[in-house]
Amino acid sequence: MLRLSLGKLYLDRDQAGTALAHLRRATELDRGYSAAWKWLGKALAADGQTDAARDAYRRGIEAAQGRGDKQAEKEMRVFLRRLQAGAGGK
C-alpha cells in the first residue's frame, strides 16, 4: 500500500518516471492488486508509454475480476477504451 501511495503522490506531482518505479513494485509485490495496476496504467499513459499502459489496464482488469472488484474493472475498461480509441482501436 505504501508503494501505491508513493506512486500516486509522484504522479500527482507530474513525476511519472518516479511514480512508475513505485507502482511497478506494488504490482510485483501483489499481482492481484487491481488499484496498483490501474495507477500503473495511468502513470504509463502519462509517460507516453501507451502500449504498456494498455497492458497494465488489461492485467488490472484480470486482477479486479479475480477479486470481484467490479468498480475497478469498470474504471480500467473505460481507461483502456480511451487509449485504444486514441491509437486507432489497437
PDB file of N, CA and C in Angstrom:
ATOM      1  N   MET A   1       0.823  -1.190   0.000  1.00  0.00           N
ATOM      2  CA  MET A   1       0.000   0.000   0.000  1.00  0.00           C
ATOM      3  C   MET A   1       0.872   1.262   0.000  1.00  0.00           C
ATOM      4  N   LEU A   2       2.017   1.188   0.668  1.00  0.00           N
ATOM      5  CA  LEU A   2       2.926   2.336   0.686  1.00  0.00           C
ATOM      6  C   LEU A   2       3.400   2.661  -0.726  1.00  0.00           C
ATOM      7  N   ARG A   3       3.747   1.624  -1.493  1.00  0.00           N
ATOM      8  CA  ARG A   3       4.219   1.849  -2.861  1.00  0.00           C
ATOM      9  C   ARG A   3       3.142   2.510  -3.714  1.00  0.00           C
ATOM     10  N   LEU A   4       1.907   2.081  -3.544  1.00  0.00           N
ATOM     11  CA  LEU A   4       0.800   2.695  -4.287  1.00  0.00           C
ATOM     12  C   LEU A   4       0.662   4.163  -3.907  1.00  0.00           C
ATOM     13  N   SER A   5       0.699   4.451  -2.630  1.00  0.00           N
ATOM     14  CA  SER A   5       0.568   5.837  -2.163  1.00  0.00           C
ATOM     15  C   SER A   5       1.692   6.717  -2.693  1.00  0.00           C
ATOM     16  N   LEU A   6       2.913   6.204  -2.658  1.00  0.00           N
ATOM     17  CA  LEU A   6       4.047   6.972  -3.189  1.00  0.00           C
ATOM     18  C   LEU A   6       3.904   7.190  -4.693  1.00  0.00           C
ATOM     19  N   GLY A   7       3.489   6.150  -5.400  1.00  0.00           N
ATOM     20  CA  GLY A   7       3.298   6.274  -6.841  1.00  0.00           C
ATOM     21  C   GLY A   7       2.262   7.323  -7.191  1.00  0.00           C
ATOM     22  N   LYS A   8       1.144   7.306  -6.478  1.00  0.00           N
ATOM     23  CA  LYS A   8       0.095   8.302  -6.721  1.00  0.00           C
ATOM     24  C   LYS A   8       0.599   9.709  -6.415  1.00  0.00           C
ATOM     25  N   LEU A   9       1.335   9.851  -5.339  1.00  0.00           N
ATOM     26  CA  LEU A   9       1.873  11.156  -4.952  1.00  0.00           C
ATOM     27  C   LEU A   9       2.794  11.705  -6.043  1.00  0.00           C
ATOM     28  N   TYR A  10       3.713  10.873  -6.518  1.00  0.00           N
ATOM     29  CA  TYR A  10       4.629  11.332  -7.568  1.00  0.00           C
ATOM     30  C   TYR A  10       3.888  11.625  -8.868  1.00  0.00           C
ATOM     31  N   LEU A  11       2.893  10.831  -9.181  1.00  0.00           N
ATOM     32  CA  LEU A  11       2.126  11.085 -10.400  1.00  0.00           C
ATOM     33  C   LEU A  11       1.368  12.400 -10.287  1.00  0.00           C
ATOM     34  N   ASP A  12       0.805  12.671  -9.120  1.00  0.00           N
ATOM     35  CA  ASP A  12       0.111  13.949  -8.891  1.00  0.00           C
ATOM     36  C   ASP A  12       1.056  15.138  -9.034  1.00  0.00           C
ATOM     37  N   ARG A  13       2.336  14.897  -8.815  1.00  0.00           N
ATOM     38  CA  ARG A  13       3.347  15.964  -8.931  1.00  0.00           C
ATOM     39  C   ARG A  13       4.027  15.957 -10.299  1.00  0.00           C
ATOM     40  N   ASP A  14       3.391  15.290 -11.256  1.00  0.00           N
ATOM     41  CA  ASP A  14       3.900  15.214 -12.636  1.00  0.00           C
ATOM     42  C   ASP A  14       5.294  14.597 -12.723  1.00  0.00           C
ATOM     43  N   GLN A  15       5.544  13.613 -11.873  1.00  0.00           N
ATOM     44  CA  GLN A  15       6.813  12.889 -11.887  1.00  0.00           C
ATOM     45  C   GLN A  15       6.538  11.419 -12.222  1.00  0.00           C
ATOM     46  N   ALA A  16       6.061  11.213 -13.460  1.00  0.00           N
ATOM     47  CA  ALA A  16       5.639   9.875 -13.878  1.00  0.00           C
ATOM     48  C   ALA A  16       6.772   8.850 -13.780  1.00  0.00           C
ATOM     49  N   GLY A  17       7.977   9.245 -14.132  1.00  0.00           N
ATOM     50  CA  GLY A  17       9.096   8.311 -14.082  1.00  0.00           C
ATOM     51  C   GLY A  17       9.334   7.753 -12.690  1.00  0.00           C
ATOM     52  N   THR A  18       9.297   8.616 -11.699  1.00  0.00           N
ATOM     53  CA  THR A  18       9.480   8.174 -10.311  1.00  0.00           C
ATOM     54  C   THR A  18       8.273   7.374  -9.852  1.00  0.00           C
ATOM     55  N   ALA A  19       7.095   7.808 -10.260  1.00  0.00           N
ATOM     56  CA  ALA A  19       5.867   7.089  -9.905  1.00  0.00           C
ATOM     57  C   ALA A  19       5.911   5.660 -10.430  1.00  0.00           C
ATOM     58  N   LEU A  20       6.409   5.496 -11.642  1.00  0.00           N
ATOM     59  CA  LEU A  20       6.449   4.166 -12.260  1.00  0.00           C
ATOM     60  C   LEU A  20       7.227   3.159 -11.430  1.00  0.00           C
ATOM     61  N   ALA A  21       8.342   3.569 -10.876  1.00  0.00           N
ATOM     62  CA  ALA A  21       9.153   2.648 -10.071  1.00  0.00           C
ATOM     63  C   ALA A  21       8.352   2.108  -8.889  1.00  0.00           C
ATOM     64  N   HIS A  22       7.636   2.985  -8.210  1.00  0.00           N
ATOM     65  CA  HIS A  22       6.849   2.566  -7.045  1.00  0.00           C
ATOM     66  C   HIS A  22       5.648   1.722  -7.451  1.00  0.00           C
ATOM     67  N   LEU A  23       4.981   2.111  -8.519  1.00  0.00           N
ATOM     68  CA  LEU A  23       3.787   1.383  -8.944  1.00  0.00           C
ATOM     69  C   LEU A  23       4.141   0.011  -9.513  1.00  0.00           C
ATOM     70  N   ARG A  24       5.240  -0.073 -10.228  1.00  0.00           N
ATOM     71  CA  ARG A  24       5.685  -1.388 -10.713  1.00  0.00           C
ATOM     72  C   ARG A  24       5.995  -2.312  -9.532  1.00  0.00           C
ATOM     73  N   ARG A  25       6.643  -1.746  -8.534  1.00  0.00           N
ATOM     74  CA  ARG A  25       6.973  -2.557  -7.350  1.00  0.00           C
ATOM     75  C   ARG A  25       5.706  -3.017  -6.636  1.00  0.00           C
ATOM     76  N   ALA A  26       4.706  -2.152  -6.575  1.00  0.00           N
ATOM     77  CA  ALA A  26       3.438  -2.525  -5.937  1.00  0.00           C
ATOM     78  C   ALA A  26       2.804  -3.717  -6.649  1.00  0.00           C
ATOM     79  N   THR A  27       2.860  -3.731  -7.990  1.00  0.00           N
ATOM     80  CA  THR A  27       2.277  -4.859  -8.724  1.00  0.00           C
ATOM     81  C   THR A  27       3.139  -6.111  -8.602  1.00  0.00           C
ATOM     82  N   GLU A  28       4.437  -5.950  -8.426  1.00  0.00           N
ATOM     83  CA  GLU A  28       5.310  -7.111  -8.214  1.00  0.00           C
ATOM     84  C   GLU A  28       5.028  -7.760  -6.863  1.00  0.00           C
ATOM     85  N   LEU A  29       4.774  -6.931  -5.868  1.00  0.00           N
ATOM     86  CA  LEU A  29       4.513  -7.444  -4.521  1.00  0.00           C
ATOM     87  C   LEU A  29       3.170  -8.150  -4.426  1.00  0.00           C
ATOM     88  N   ASP A  30       2.191  -7.701  -5.219  1.00  0.00           N
ATOM     89  CA  ASP A  30       0.856  -8.308  -5.203  1.00  0.00           C
ATOM     90  C   ASP A  30       0.265  -8.210  -6.603  1.00  0.00           C
ATOM     91  N   ARG A  31       0.369  -9.281  -7.368  1.00  0.00           N
ATOM     92  CA  ARG A  31      -0.121  -9.309  -8.755  1.00  0.00           C
ATOM     93  C   ARG A  31      -1.637  -9.120  -8.837  1.00  0.00           C
ATOM     94  N   GLY A  32      -2.335  -9.341  -7.747  1.00  0.00           N
ATOM     95  CA  GLY A  32      -3.787  -9.190  -7.729  1.00  0.00           C
ATOM     96  C   GLY A  32      -4.272  -7.846  -7.228  1.00  0.00           C
ATOM     97  N   TYR A  33      -3.368  -6.897  -7.068  1.00  0.00           N
ATOM     98  CA  TYR A  33      -3.691  -5.575  -6.515  1.00  0.00           C
ATOM     99  C   TYR A  33      -4.205  -4.683  -7.645  1.00  0.00           C
ATOM    100  N   SER A  34      -5.502  -4.727  -7.883  1.00  0.00           N
ATOM    101  CA  SER A  34      -6.083  -4.033  -9.038  1.00  0.00           C
ATOM    102  C   SER A  34      -5.861  -2.524  -8.999  1.00  0.00           C
ATOM    103  N   ALA A  35      -5.885  -1.926  -7.832  1.00  0.00           N
ATOM    104  CA  ALA A  35      -5.664  -0.472  -7.739  1.00  0.00           C
ATOM    105  C   ALA A  35      -4.255  -0.108  -8.208  1.00  0.00           C
ATOM    106  N   ALA A  36      -3.286  -0.939  -7.886  1.00  0.00           N
ATOM    107  CA  ALA A  36      -1.910  -0.674  -8.326  1.00  0.00           C
ATOM    108  C   ALA A  36      -1.805  -0.774  -9.842  1.00  0.00           C
ATOM    109  N   TRP A  37      -2.491  -1.739 -10.435  1.00  0.00           N
ATOM    110  CA  TRP A  37      -2.482  -1.864 -11.899  1.00  0.00           C
ATOM    111  C   TRP A  37      -3.131  -0.647 -12.546  1.00  0.00           C
ATOM    112  N   LYS A  38      -4.225  -0.181 -11.955  1.00  0.00           N
ATOM    113  CA  LYS A  38      -4.916   0.996 -12.507  1.00  0.00           C
ATOM    114  C   LYS A  38      -3.989   2.209 -12.503  1.00  0.00           C
ATOM    115  N   TRP A  39      -3.340   2.457 -11.392  1.00  0.00           N
ATOM    116  CA  TRP A  39      -2.456   3.618 -11.296  1.00  0.00           C
ATOM    117  C   TRP A  39      -1.190   3.434 -12.126  1.00  0.00           C
ATOM    118  N   LEU A  40      -0.725   2.196 -12.259  1.00  0.00           N
ATOM    119  CA  LEU A  40       0.410   1.947 -13.145  1.00  0.00           C
ATOM    120  C   LEU A  40       0.020   2.295 -14.581  1.00  0.00           C
ATOM    121  N   GLY A  41      -1.175   1.907 -14.985  1.00  0.00           N
ATOM    122  CA  GLY A  41      -1.656   2.259 -16.322  1.00  0.00           C
ATOM    123  C   GLY A  41      -1.714   3.759 -16.524  1.00  0.00           C
ATOM    124  N   LYS A  42      -2.206   4.477 -15.517  1.00  0.00           N
ATOM    125  CA  LYS A  42      -2.271   5.942 -15.615  1.00  0.00           C
ATOM    126  C   LYS A  42      -0.877   6.551 -15.736  1.00  0.00           C
ATOM    127  N   ALA A  43       0.062   6.056 -14.933  1.00  0.00           N
ATOM    128  CA  ALA A  43       1.426   6.596 -14.965  1.00  0.00           C
ATOM    129  C   ALA A  43       2.101   6.298 -16.302  1.00  0.00           C
ATOM    130  N   LEU A  44       1.903   5.101 -16.814  1.00  0.00           N
ATOM    131  CA  LEU A  44       2.483   4.748 -18.109  1.00  0.00           C
ATOM    132  C   LEU A  44       1.906   5.622 -19.220  1.00  0.00           C
ATOM    133  N   ALA A  45       0.602   5.850 -19.173  1.00  0.00           N
ATOM    134  CA  ALA A  45      -0.033   6.717 -20.172  1.00  0.00           C
ATOM    135  C   ALA A  45       0.510   8.135 -20.065  1.00  0.00           C
ATOM    136  N   ALA A  46       0.666   8.625 -18.841  1.00  0.00           N
ATOM    137  CA  ALA A  46       1.198   9.977 -18.634  1.00  0.00           C
ATOM    138  C   ALA A  46       2.632  10.089 -19.137  1.00  0.00           C
ATOM    139  N   ASP A  47       3.351   8.979 -19.108  1.00  0.00           N
ATOM    140  CA  ASP A  47       4.745   8.945 -19.557  1.00  0.00           C
ATOM    141  C   ASP A  47       4.853   8.666 -21.063  1.00  0.00           C
ATOM    142  N   GLY A  48       3.714   8.554 -21.732  1.00  0.00           N
ATOM    143  CA  GLY A  48       3.707   8.322 -23.173  1.00  0.00           C
ATOM    144  C   GLY A  48       3.896   6.872 -23.588  1.00  0.00           C
ATOM    145  N   GLN A  49       3.828   5.963 -22.636  1.00  0.00           N
ATOM    146  CA  GLN A  49       4.016   4.534 -22.915  1.00  0.00           C
ATOM    147  C   GLN A  49       2.652   3.861 -23.077  1.00  0.00           C
ATOM    148  N   THR A  50       1.969   4.176 -24.165  1.00  0.00           N
ATOM    149  CA  THR A  50       0.581   3.739 -24.315  1.00  0.00           C
ATOM    150  C   THR A  50       0.430   2.225 -24.465  1.00  0.00           C
ATOM    151  N   ASP A  51       1.338   1.564 -25.159  1.00  0.00           N
ATOM    152  CA  ASP A  51       1.233   0.102 -25.275  1.00  0.00           C
ATOM    153  C   ASP A  51       1.355  -0.553 -23.906  1.00  0.00           C
ATOM    154  N   ALA A  52       2.311  -0.106 -23.128  1.00  0.00           N
ATOM    155  CA  ALA A  52       2.498  -0.647 -21.779  1.00  0.00           C
ATOM    156  C   ALA A  52       1.313  -0.293 -20.885  1.00  0.00           C
ATOM    157  N   ALA A  53       0.741   0.894 -21.069  1.00  0.00           N
ATOM    158  CA  ALA A  53      -0.433   1.295 -20.288  1.00  0.00           C
ATOM    159  C   ALA A  53      -1.608   0.376 -20.593  1.00  0.00           C
ATOM    160  N   ARG A  54      -1.817   0.081 -21.872  1.00  0.00           N
ATOM    161  CA  ARG A  54      -2.903  -0.835 -22.243  1.00  0.00           C
ATOM    162  C   ARG A  54      -2.693  -2.201 -21.594  1.00  0.00           C
ATOM    163  N   ASP A  55      -1.461  -2.680 -21.602  1.00  0.00           N
ATOM    164  CA  ASP A  55      -1.161  -3.966 -20.979  1.00  0.00           C
ATOM    165  C   ASP A  55      -1.439  -3.927 -19.476  1.00  0.00           C
ATOM    166  N   ALA A  56      -1.054  -2.838 -18.824  1.00  0.00           N
ATOM    167  CA  ALA A  56      -1.303  -2.706 -17.381  1.00  0.00           C
ATOM    168  C   ALA A  56      -2.798  -2.712 -17.093  1.00  0.00           C
ATOM    169  N   TYR A  57      -3.576  -1.996 -17.899  1.00  0.00           N
ATOM    170  CA  TYR A  57      -5.025  -1.999 -17.695  1.00  0.00           C
ATOM    171  C   TYR A  57      -5.612  -3.390 -17.907  1.00  0.00           C
ATOM    172  N   ARG A  58      -5.145  -4.102 -18.913  1.00  0.00           N
ATOM    173  CA  ARG A  58      -5.649  -5.463 -19.151  1.00  0.00           C
ATOM    174  C   ARG A  58      -5.338  -6.375 -17.965  1.00  0.00           C
ATOM    175  N   ARG A  59      -4.129  -6.260 -17.458  1.00  0.00           N
ATOM    176  CA  ARG A  59      -3.753  -7.078 -16.300  1.00  0.00           C
ATOM    177  C   ARG A  59      -4.539  -6.654 -15.063  1.00  0.00           C
ATOM    178  N   GLY A  60      -4.791  -5.362 -14.949  1.00  0.00           N
ATOM    179  CA  GLY A  60      -5.594  -4.869 -13.839  1.00  0.00           C
ATOM    180  C   GLY A  60      -7.028  -5.352 -13.904  1.00  0.00           C
ATOM    181  N   ILE A  61      -7.573  -5.406 -15.102  1.00  0.00           N
ATOM    182  CA  ILE A  61      -8.936  -5.921 -15.281  1.00  0.00           C
ATOM    183  C   ILE A  61      -9.002  -7.376 -14.841  1.00  0.00           C
ATOM    184  N   GLU A  62      -8.006  -8.165 -15.228  1.00  0.00           N
ATOM    185  CA  GLU A  62      -7.951  -9.564 -14.797  1.00  0.00           C
ATOM    186  C   GLU A  62      -7.864  -9.672 -13.278  1.00  0.00           C
ATOM    187  N   ALA A  63      -7.030  -8.831 -12.677  1.00  0.00           N
ATOM    188  CA  ALA A  63      -6.883  -8.842 -11.217  1.00  0.00           C
ATOM    189  C   ALA A  63      -8.197  -8.463 -10.547  1.00  0.00           C
ATOM    190  N   ALA A  64      -8.859  -7.444 -11.072  1.00  0.00           N
ATOM    191  CA  ALA A  64     -10.131  -6.998 -10.498  1.00  0.00           C
ATOM    192  C   ALA A  64     -11.187  -8.091 -10.621  1.00  0.00           C
ATOM    193  N   GLN A  65     -11.230  -8.759 -11.759  1.00  0.00           N
ATOM    194  CA  GLN A  65     -12.183  -9.854 -11.938  1.00  0.00           C
ATOM    195  C   GLN A  65     -11.913 -10.969 -10.941  1.00  0.00           C
ATOM    196  N   GLY A  66     -10.640 -11.253 -10.712  1.00  0.00           N
ATOM    197  CA  GLY A  66     -10.261 -12.300  -9.770  1.00  0.00           C
ATOM    198  C   GLY A  66     -10.679 -12.005  -8.345  1.00  0.00           C
ATOM    199  N   ARG A  67     -10.782 -10.733  -8.032  1.00  0.00           N
ATOM    200  CA  ARG A  67     -11.167 -10.334  -6.672  1.00  0.00           C
ATOM    201  C   ARG A  67     -12.616  -9.870  -6.580  1.00  0.00           C
ATOM    202  N   GLY A  68     -13.308  -9.885  -7.708  1.00  0.00           N
ATOM    203  CA  GLY A  68     -14.703  -9.444  -7.705  1.00  0.00           C
ATOM    204  C   GLY A  68     -14.855  -7.947  -7.533  1.00  0.00           C
ATOM    205  N   ASP A  69     -13.834  -7.191  -7.886  1.00  0.00           N
ATOM    206  CA  ASP A  69     -13.854  -5.730  -7.739  1.00  0.00           C
ATOM    207  C   ASP A  69     -14.419  -5.104  -9.013  1.00  0.00           C
ATOM    208  N   LYS A  70     -15.739  -5.049  -9.083  1.00  0.00           N
ATOM    209  CA  LYS A  70     -16.435  -4.582 -10.290  1.00  0.00           C
ATOM    210  C   LYS A  70     -16.147  -3.119 -10.607  1.00  0.00           C
ATOM    211  N   GLN A  71     -16.035  -2.277  -9.592  1.00  0.00           N
ATOM    212  CA  GLN A  71     -15.794  -0.852  -9.835  1.00  0.00           C
ATOM    213  C   GLN A  71     -14.430  -0.627 -10.480  1.00  0.00           C
ATOM    214  N   ALA A  72     -13.403  -1.266  -9.953  1.00  0.00           N
ATOM    215  CA  ALA A  72     -12.062  -1.123 -10.534  1.00  0.00           C
ATOM    216  C   ALA A  72     -12.040  -1.675 -11.956  1.00  0.00           C
ATOM    217  N   GLU A  73     -12.707  -2.792 -12.164  1.00  0.00           N
ATOM    218  CA  GLU A  73     -12.779  -3.377 -13.507  1.00  0.00           C
ATOM    219  C   GLU A  73     -13.435  -2.398 -14.481  1.00  0.00           C
ATOM    220  N   LYS A  74     -14.533  -1.811 -14.062  1.00  0.00           N
ATOM    221  CA  LYS A  74     -15.264  -0.861 -14.913  1.00  0.00           C
ATOM    222  C   LYS A  74     -14.394   0.357 -15.250  1.00  0.00           C
ATOM    223  N   GLU A  75     -13.730   0.917 -14.251  1.00  0.00           N
ATOM    224  CA  GLU A  75     -12.873   2.086 -14.470  1.00  0.00           C
ATOM    225  C   GLU A  75     -11.757   1.775 -15.466  1.00  0.00           C
ATOM    226  N   MET A  76     -11.106   0.635 -15.284  1.00  0.00           N
ATOM    227  CA  MET A  76      -9.989   0.298 -16.172  1.00  0.00           C
ATOM    228  C   MET A  76     -10.460  -0.007 -17.589  1.00  0.00           C
ATOM    229  N   ARG A  77     -11.656  -0.554 -17.719  1.00  0.00           N
ATOM    230  CA  ARG A  77     -12.207  -0.769 -19.067  1.00  0.00           C
ATOM    231  C   ARG A  77     -12.410   0.570 -19.780  1.00  0.00           C
ATOM    232  N   VAL A  78     -12.875   1.570 -19.041  1.00  0.00           N
ATOM    233  CA  VAL A  78     -13.054   2.908 -19.618  1.00  0.00           C
ATOM    234  C   VAL A  78     -11.702   3.485 -20.032  1.00  0.00           C
ATOM    235  N   PHE A  79     -10.709   3.412 -19.153  1.00  0.00           N
ATOM    236  CA  PHE A  79      -9.372   3.935 -19.469  1.00  0.00           C
ATOM    237  C   PHE A  79      -8.774   3.202 -20.674  1.00  0.00           C
ATOM    238  N   LEU A  80      -8.959   1.886 -20.723  1.00  0.00           N
ATOM    239  CA  LEU A  80      -8.436   1.090 -21.827  1.00  0.00           C
ATOM    240  C   LEU A  80      -9.100   1.488 -23.144  1.00  0.00           C
ATOM    241  N   ARG A  81     -10.418   1.666 -23.123  1.00  0.00           N
ATOM    242  CA  ARG A  81     -11.129   2.087 -24.342  1.00  0.00           C
ATOM    243  C   ARG A  81     -10.637   3.434 -24.833  1.00  0.00           C
ATOM    244  N   ARG A  82     -10.390   4.352 -23.910  1.00  0.00           N
ATOM    245  CA  ARG A  82      -9.886   5.676 -24.302  1.00  0.00           C
ATOM    246  C   ARG A  82      -8.521   5.572 -24.976  1.00  0.00           C
ATOM    247  N   LEU A  83      -7.653   4.750 -24.413  1.00  0.00           N
ATOM    248  CA  LEU A  83      -6.332   4.565 -25.023  1.00  0.00           C
ATOM    249  C   LEU A  83      -6.448   3.908 -26.393  1.00  0.00           C
ATOM    250  N   GLN A  84      -7.324   2.927 -26.496  1.00  0.00           N
ATOM    251  CA  GLN A  84      -7.500   2.241 -27.772  1.00  0.00           C
ATOM    252  C   GLN A  84      -8.082   3.180 -28.820  1.00  0.00           C
ATOM    253  N   ALA A  85      -9.012   4.028 -28.416  1.00  0.00           N
ATOM    254  CA  ALA A  85      -9.606   4.989 -29.353  1.00  0.00           C
ATOM    255  C   ALA A  85      -8.550   5.971 -29.847  1.00  0.00           C
ATOM    256  N   GLY A  86      -7.665   6.366 -28.957  1.00  0.00           N
ATOM    257  CA  GLY A  86      -6.606   7.298 -29.326  1.00  0.00           C
ATOM    258  C   GLY A  86      -5.538   6.684 -30.211  1.00  0.00           C
ATOM    259  N   ALA A  87      -5.492   5.349 -30.245  1.00  0.00           N
ATOM    260  CA  ALA A  87      -4.477   4.656 -31.047  1.00  0.00           C
ATOM    261  C   ALA A  87      -5.105   3.933 -32.231  1.00  0.00           C
ATOM    262  N   GLY A  88      -6.279   4.385 -32.631  1.00  0.00           N
ATOM    263  CA  GLY A  88      -6.926   3.768 -33.783  1.00  0.00           C
ATOM    264  C   GLY A  88      -7.493   2.387 -33.521  1.00  0.00           C
ATOM    265  N   GLY A  89      -7.875   2.116 -32.256  1.00  0.00           N
ATOM    266  CA  GLY A  89      -8.521   0.856 -31.928  1.00  0.00           C
ATOM    267  C   GLY A  89      -7.598  -0.314 -31.672  1.00  0.00           C
ATOM    268  N   LYS A  90      -6.337  -0.053 -31.419  1.00  0.00           N
ATOM    269  CA  LYS A  90      -5.353  -1.111 -31.143  1.00  0.00           C
ATOM    270  C   LYS A  90      -5.796  -2.037 -30.057  1.00  0.00           C
TER     271      LYS A  90
END
